[in-house]
Amino acid sequence: MSDFDTIAAQRPADIEEAIPCMQIALRYFHEHDDYRAIFLRAYYIITLNVHAAIHRRGDYTKNPIFFDAGWAASQAGWFSSLYFQSLTTFDRDPDSERAWKLAHGMAVAKTSTVLQDLMLGLNAHINYDLAHGTYLNLKQHNDGADHLLLPHRKFDHDQVNNILVRSIAQIAGTLSRDYGGGIQMLRRTLHGLDIILTGTGLKYYRERVWWSAISYLTTTDDEEVNLVHYKLNWESLQTAKLIADTSIWSLPVRRVGRAIRKEHFGDIQLETPAAQ
């Protein structure tokens, strides 16, 4: 089994296992100047911030964020496992996981900008994976047995929205430093508008994710599960196509974006979980 196969086979059970798994993958991607590093770098930062919130460290020491920190930690395990599974998407049905196929395909072919790599990964991860991962977590905890547990879980799901918004500035700065691409410059030009727009977009899509997870939870057989899969597969692909935009009108922007991104990443300096 190759190093890449070993990475793709990782299935973290919770957030404690997810963080070192991501570190291994990021070091591998940097060693190989693999553009798939860009999305994972952002995802790693988000995961560290969720970890800090779960353990009430760093900026989250004063007040708890989650009703059930253990549920949030388990959710991170399911979610990261689906990401590692996506790395072998080309080994499966060409019509499955199409948003991931587009995201990973452009990154491997190095035809994307840094912003495209980030947005394509976020789209596939949120609009395709997250509903399934949330469903698996709800099912693991038998949350469908008591209707009052679902709004309880919805609160913790929504709390992650605020962590995502608070991560935007750190992600932009880190990606610009490590990979170029001008994301930080774009943020400064927009004077905070990106935080408003991105925050609103993230909350909108994560709200849809929750109801898709509930749709999964109401299924009674494999055929109904596949219906939800098909819906998310189709919807996430439509968004991926918009982000990937290969039209002649976007060509100048894409050329500039590729020209200012780094071709060689060098050693990676990874942040570590916040201390107690």
Protein backbone atom coordinates (compact mmCIF):
# COMPACT_ATOMS: atom_id res chain seq x y z
CA MET A 1 0.00 0.00 0.00
CA SER A 2 1.40 3.42 -0.99
CA ASP A 3 1.65 6.39 1.36
CA PHE A 4 -1.30 7.98 -0.44
CA ASP A 5 -3.40 4.83 -0.11
CA THR A 6 -2.63 4.74 3.61
CA ILE A 7 -3.76 8.36 3.96
CA ALA A 8 -6.96 7.77 2.01
CA ALA A 9 -7.75 4.72 4.18
CA GLN A 10 -7.76 6.78 7.40
CA ARG A 11 -11.13 6.77 9.20
CA PRO A 12 -10.91 8.91 12.35
CA ALA A 13 -13.51 8.12 15.00
CA ASP A 14 -13.56 11.62 16.46
CA ILE A 15 -11.86 15.00 16.36
CA GLU A 16 -8.90 13.81 18.46
CA GLU A 17 -8.05 11.25 15.78
CA ALA A 18 -8.94 13.56 12.89
CA ILE A 19 -6.28 16.19 13.64
CA PRO A 20 -3.19 13.94 13.35
CA CYS A 21 -4.71 12.26 10.28
CA MET A 22 -5.01 15.67 8.61
CA GLN A 23 -1.44 16.55 9.60
CA ILE A 24 -0.13 13.41 7.89
CA ALA A 25 -2.08 14.22 4.72
CA LEU A 26 -0.98 17.86 4.65
CA ARG A 27 2.69 16.93 4.98
CA TYR A 28 2.29 14.43 2.15
CA PHE A 29 0.58 17.01 -0.08
CA HIS A 30 3.33 19.55 0.62
CA GLU A 31 6.07 17.08 -0.13
CA HIS A 32 4.47 16.44 -3.52
CA ASP A 33 3.35 20.06 -4.25
CA ASP A 34 -0.16 18.65 -4.49
CA TYR A 35 -2.86 21.31 -4.93
CA ARG A 36 -5.23 19.23 -2.81
CA ALA A 37 -3.37 20.77 0.13
CA ILE A 38 -5.28 24.04 -0.24
CA PHE A 39 -8.71 22.86 0.84
CA LEU A 40 -7.32 20.52 3.49
CA ARG A 41 -5.28 23.41 4.95
CA ALA A 42 -8.48 25.41 5.41
CA TYR A 43 -10.35 22.38 6.73
CA TYR A 44 -7.53 21.73 9.22
CA ILE A 45 -7.77 25.29 10.58
CA ILE A 46 -11.53 24.96 11.00
CA THR A 47 -11.08 21.62 12.77
CA LEU A 48 -8.55 23.13 15.19
CA ASN A 49 -11.00 25.90 16.01
CA VAL A 50 -13.83 23.41 16.56
CA HIS A 51 -11.44 21.43 18.79
CA ALA A 52 -10.73 24.58 20.84
CA ALA A 53 -14.46 25.20 21.22
CA ILE A 54 -15.12 21.61 22.27
CA HIS A 55 -12.41 21.79 24.96
CA ARG A 56 -13.08 25.46 25.87
CA ARG A 57 -9.56 26.60 25.04
CA GLY A 58 -8.10 29.65 23.33
CA ASP A 59 -10.88 32.08 22.43
CA TYR A 60 -13.50 29.72 23.88
CA THR A 61 -12.38 29.49 27.52
CA LYS A 62 -15.07 31.64 29.14
CA ASN A 63 -18.30 30.04 27.99
CA PRO A 64 -19.31 26.67 26.56
CA ILE A 65 -20.27 26.58 22.88
CA PHE A 66 -22.00 23.22 22.56
CA PHE A 67 -24.81 21.49 24.43
CA ASP A 68 -22.96 18.20 23.87
CA ALA A 69 -19.26 18.55 23.11
CA GLY A 70 -18.95 14.77 22.69
CA TRP A 71 -21.54 14.79 19.92
CA ALA A 72 -19.64 17.58 18.13
CA ALA A 73 -16.38 15.64 18.49
CA SER A 74 -17.99 12.54 16.99
CA GLN A 75 -19.46 14.62 14.17
CA ALA A 76 -15.94 15.79 13.26
CA GLY A 77 -14.83 12.16 13.04
CA TRP A 78 -17.57 11.18 10.60
CA PHE A 79 -16.99 14.31 8.55
CA SER A 80 -13.22 13.85 8.24
CA SER A 81 -13.65 10.16 7.40
CA LEU A 82 -15.81 11.12 4.43
CA TYR A 83 -13.10 13.55 3.30
CA PHE A 84 -10.41 10.85 3.33
CA GLN A 85 -12.78 8.52 1.51
CA SER A 86 -13.21 11.18 -1.19
CA LEU A 87 -9.51 10.94 -2.06
CA THR A 88 -10.26 7.64 -3.82
CA THR A 89 -13.34 8.93 -5.62
CA PHE A 90 -11.92 8.07 -9.06
CA ASP A 91 -11.94 4.39 -8.06
CA ARG A 92 -15.75 4.48 -7.87
CA ASP A 93 -18.69 5.02 -10.20
CA PRO A 94 -18.01 8.00 -12.54
CA ASP A 95 -21.48 9.35 -11.76
CA SER A 96 -20.98 9.31 -7.99
CA GLU A 97 -19.40 12.02 -5.81
CA ARG A 98 -19.18 14.27 -8.88
CA ALA A 99 -18.44 17.46 -6.95
CA TRP A 100 -15.44 15.71 -5.39
CA LYS A 101 -14.34 14.37 -8.76
CA LEU A 102 -14.33 17.90 -10.15
CA ALA A 103 -12.55 19.36 -7.11
CA HIS A 104 -9.85 16.69 -6.88
CA GLY A 105 -9.55 16.44 -10.65
CA MET A 106 -8.74 20.14 -11.12
CA ALA A 107 -6.34 20.12 -8.17
CA VAL A 108 -4.44 17.07 -9.42
CA ALA A 109 -4.30 18.49 -12.98
CA LYS A 110 -3.21 21.88 -11.55
CA THR A 111 -5.67 23.80 -13.70
CA SER A 112 -7.26 25.71 -10.80
CA THR A 113 -6.61 28.85 -8.81
CA VAL A 114 -6.15 28.82 -5.03
CA LEU A 115 -9.62 30.30 -4.59
CA GLN A 116 -11.14 27.62 -6.83
CA ASP A 117 -9.38 24.84 -4.91
CA LEU A 118 -10.75 26.25 -1.67
CA MET A 119 -14.30 26.81 -2.89
CA LEU A 120 -14.55 23.50 -4.80
CA GLY A 121 -13.45 21.63 -1.68
CA LEU A 122 -15.83 23.54 0.57
CA ASN A 123 -18.70 22.91 -1.82
CA ALA A 124 -18.11 19.15 -2.03
CA HIS A 125 -17.45 18.84 1.68
CA ILE A 126 -20.50 20.83 2.80
CA ASN A 127 -23.04 20.30 0.04
CA TYR A 128 -22.29 16.61 -0.54
CA ASP A 129 -20.56 15.11 2.52
CA LEU A 130 -21.90 17.03 5.49
CA ALA A 131 -25.53 15.88 5.34
CA HIS A 132 -24.42 12.25 5.14
CA GLY A 133 -21.91 12.68 7.95
CA THR A 134 -24.52 14.41 10.12
CA TYR A 135 -26.99 11.62 9.44
CA LEU A 136 -24.41 8.99 10.42
CA ASN A 137 -23.73 10.87 13.65
CA LEU A 138 -27.44 11.26 14.44
CA LYS A 139 -27.91 7.55 13.77
CA GLN A 140 -24.93 6.57 15.92
CA HIS A 141 -26.41 8.49 18.87
CA ASN A 142 -29.98 7.25 18.20
CA ASP A 143 -31.12 10.87 18.03
CA GLY A 144 -34.19 10.03 15.98
CA ALA A 145 -35.73 8.17 18.94
CA ASP A 146 -36.67 11.43 20.71
CA HIS A 147 -37.93 14.35 18.65
CA LEU A 148 -36.62 16.80 21.27
CA LEU A 149 -33.07 15.60 20.67
CA LEU A 150 -33.10 16.86 17.08
CA PRO A 151 -33.44 20.60 17.88
CA HIS A 152 -30.85 19.97 20.62
CA ARG A 153 -28.47 18.67 17.96
CA LYS A 154 -29.47 21.44 15.54
CA PHE A 155 -28.22 24.01 18.06
CA ASP A 156 -24.76 22.39 18.11
CA HIS A 157 -24.81 22.11 14.31
CA ASP A 158 -25.53 25.85 14.08
CA GLN A 159 -22.83 26.76 16.58
CA VAL A 160 -20.25 25.50 14.10
CA ASN A 161 -21.48 28.20 11.68
CA ASN A 162 -20.11 30.87 14.00
CA ILE A 163 -16.78 29.05 14.32
CA LEU A 164 -16.54 28.92 10.52
CA VAL A 165 -17.12 32.66 10.19
CA ARG A 166 -14.50 33.37 12.85
CA SER A 167 -12.04 31.19 10.90
CA ILE A 168 -12.30 33.12 7.62
CA ALA A 169 -9.58 35.70 8.35
CA GLN A 170 -7.13 33.03 9.57
CA ILE A 171 -7.80 30.85 6.54
CA ALA A 172 -7.30 33.74 4.10
CA GLY A 173 -4.03 34.76 5.70
CA THR A 174 -2.66 31.23 5.89
CA LEU A 175 -3.58 30.26 2.33
CA SER A 176 -2.14 33.48 0.93
CA ARG A 177 1.11 32.95 2.84
CA ASP A 178 1.55 29.27 2.01
CA TYR A 179 0.10 29.08 -1.52
CA GLY A 180 -0.17 32.61 -2.93
CA GLY A 181 -3.24 33.24 -5.03
CA GLY A 182 -4.22 36.64 -3.70
CA ILE A 183 -7.02 35.65 -1.32
CA GLN A 184 -5.72 37.96 1.41
CA MET A 185 -5.45 40.81 -1.08
CA LEU A 186 -9.03 40.21 -2.15
CA ARG A 187 -10.18 40.35 1.48
CA ARG A 188 -8.45 43.70 2.00
CA THR A 189 -10.03 45.07 -1.17
CA LEU A 190 -13.51 44.04 -0.02
CA HIS A 191 -12.98 45.56 3.44
CA GLY A 192 -14.84 42.84 5.33
CA LEU A 193 -17.60 42.30 2.77
CA ASP A 194 -16.19 38.82 2.16
CA ILE A 195 -16.88 37.87 5.78
CA ILE A 196 -20.49 38.98 5.46
CA LEU A 197 -21.03 37.23 2.13
CA THR A 198 -19.12 34.07 3.05
CA GLY A 199 -20.72 33.88 6.46
CA THR A 200 -24.19 34.26 4.97
CA GLY A 201 -23.45 31.68 2.29
CA LEU A 202 -22.05 29.17 4.77
CA LYS A 203 -25.08 29.51 7.03
CA TYR A 204 -27.47 29.15 4.09
CA TYR A 205 -25.86 25.97 2.81
CA ARG A 206 -25.42 24.47 6.27
CA GLU A 207 -29.11 25.09 6.95
CA ARG A 208 -29.94 23.08 3.83
CA VAL A 209 -27.50 20.41 4.98
CA TRP A 210 -29.38 19.96 8.24
CA TRP A 211 -32.67 19.27 6.50
CA SER A 212 -30.98 16.89 4.08
CA ALA A 213 -29.59 15.02 7.10
CA ILE A 214 -33.13 14.80 8.48
CA SER A 215 -34.26 13.46 5.10
CA TYR A 216 -31.65 10.72 5.44
CA LEU A 217 -32.93 10.01 8.94
CA THR A 218 -36.48 9.48 7.68
CA THR A 219 -35.49 6.94 5.00
CA THR A 220 -36.82 3.40 5.35
CA ASP A 221 -34.70 1.49 2.84
CA ASP A 222 -31.62 1.70 0.60
CA GLU A 223 -33.67 3.02 -2.31
CA GLU A 224 -34.74 6.07 -0.30
CA VAL A 225 -31.18 6.60 0.96
CA ASN A 226 -30.00 6.59 -2.65
CA LEU A 227 -32.62 9.20 -3.53
CA VAL A 228 -31.06 11.60 -1.02
CA HIS A 229 -27.57 10.72 -2.30
CA TYR A 230 -28.67 11.44 -5.87
CA LYS A 231 -30.19 14.81 -4.91
CA LEU A 232 -27.03 15.95 -3.10
CA ASN A 233 -24.80 14.59 -5.86
CA TRP A 234 -26.68 16.60 -8.49
CA GLU A 235 -26.99 19.81 -6.46
CA SER A 236 -23.35 19.90 -5.36
CA LEU A 237 -22.23 19.30 -8.94
CA GLN A 238 -24.18 22.33 -10.19
CA THR A 239 -22.41 24.55 -7.66
CA ALA A 240 -19.06 22.96 -8.51
CA LYS A 241 -19.55 23.75 -12.20
CA LEU A 242 -20.16 27.42 -11.37
CA ILE A 243 -16.99 27.58 -9.27
CA ALA A 244 -14.91 25.72 -11.85
CA ASP A 245 -16.08 28.13 -14.60
CA THR A 246 -13.96 27.47 -17.69
CA SER A 247 -15.73 30.00 -19.90
CA ILE A 248 -13.79 32.45 -22.06
CA TRP A 249 -15.15 35.32 -19.93
CA SER A 250 -13.35 34.11 -16.82
CA LEU A 251 -10.12 33.24 -18.63
CA PRO A 252 -8.20 36.46 -17.72
CA VAL A 253 -9.06 36.08 -14.03
CA ARG A 254 -8.08 32.41 -14.04
CA ARG A 255 -4.78 33.17 -15.77
CA VAL A 256 -3.91 35.80 -13.19
CA GLY A 257 -4.96 33.48 -10.37
CA ARG A 258 -2.75 30.67 -11.62
CA ALA A 259 0.14 33.06 -12.30
CA ILE A 260 0.26 34.34 -8.72
CA ARG A 261 -0.10 30.99 -6.95
CA LYS A 262 2.95 29.11 -5.72
CA GLU A 263 4.06 26.05 -7.67
CA HIS A 264 6.26 24.70 -4.88
CA PHE A 265 4.97 24.72 -1.33
CA GLY A 266 8.04 23.80 0.72
CA ASP A 267 7.92 22.60 4.33
CA ILE A 268 4.65 23.17 6.13
CA GLN A 269 4.45 24.82 9.53
CA LEU A 270 1.27 23.47 11.08
CA GLU A 271 -0.67 25.05 13.89
CA THR A 272 -1.32 22.77 16.87
CA PRO A 273 -4.40 22.42 19.09
CA ALA A 274 -4.80 25.23 21.61
CA ALA A 275 -3.29 24.44 25.02
CA GLN A 276 -5.43 24.31 28.16
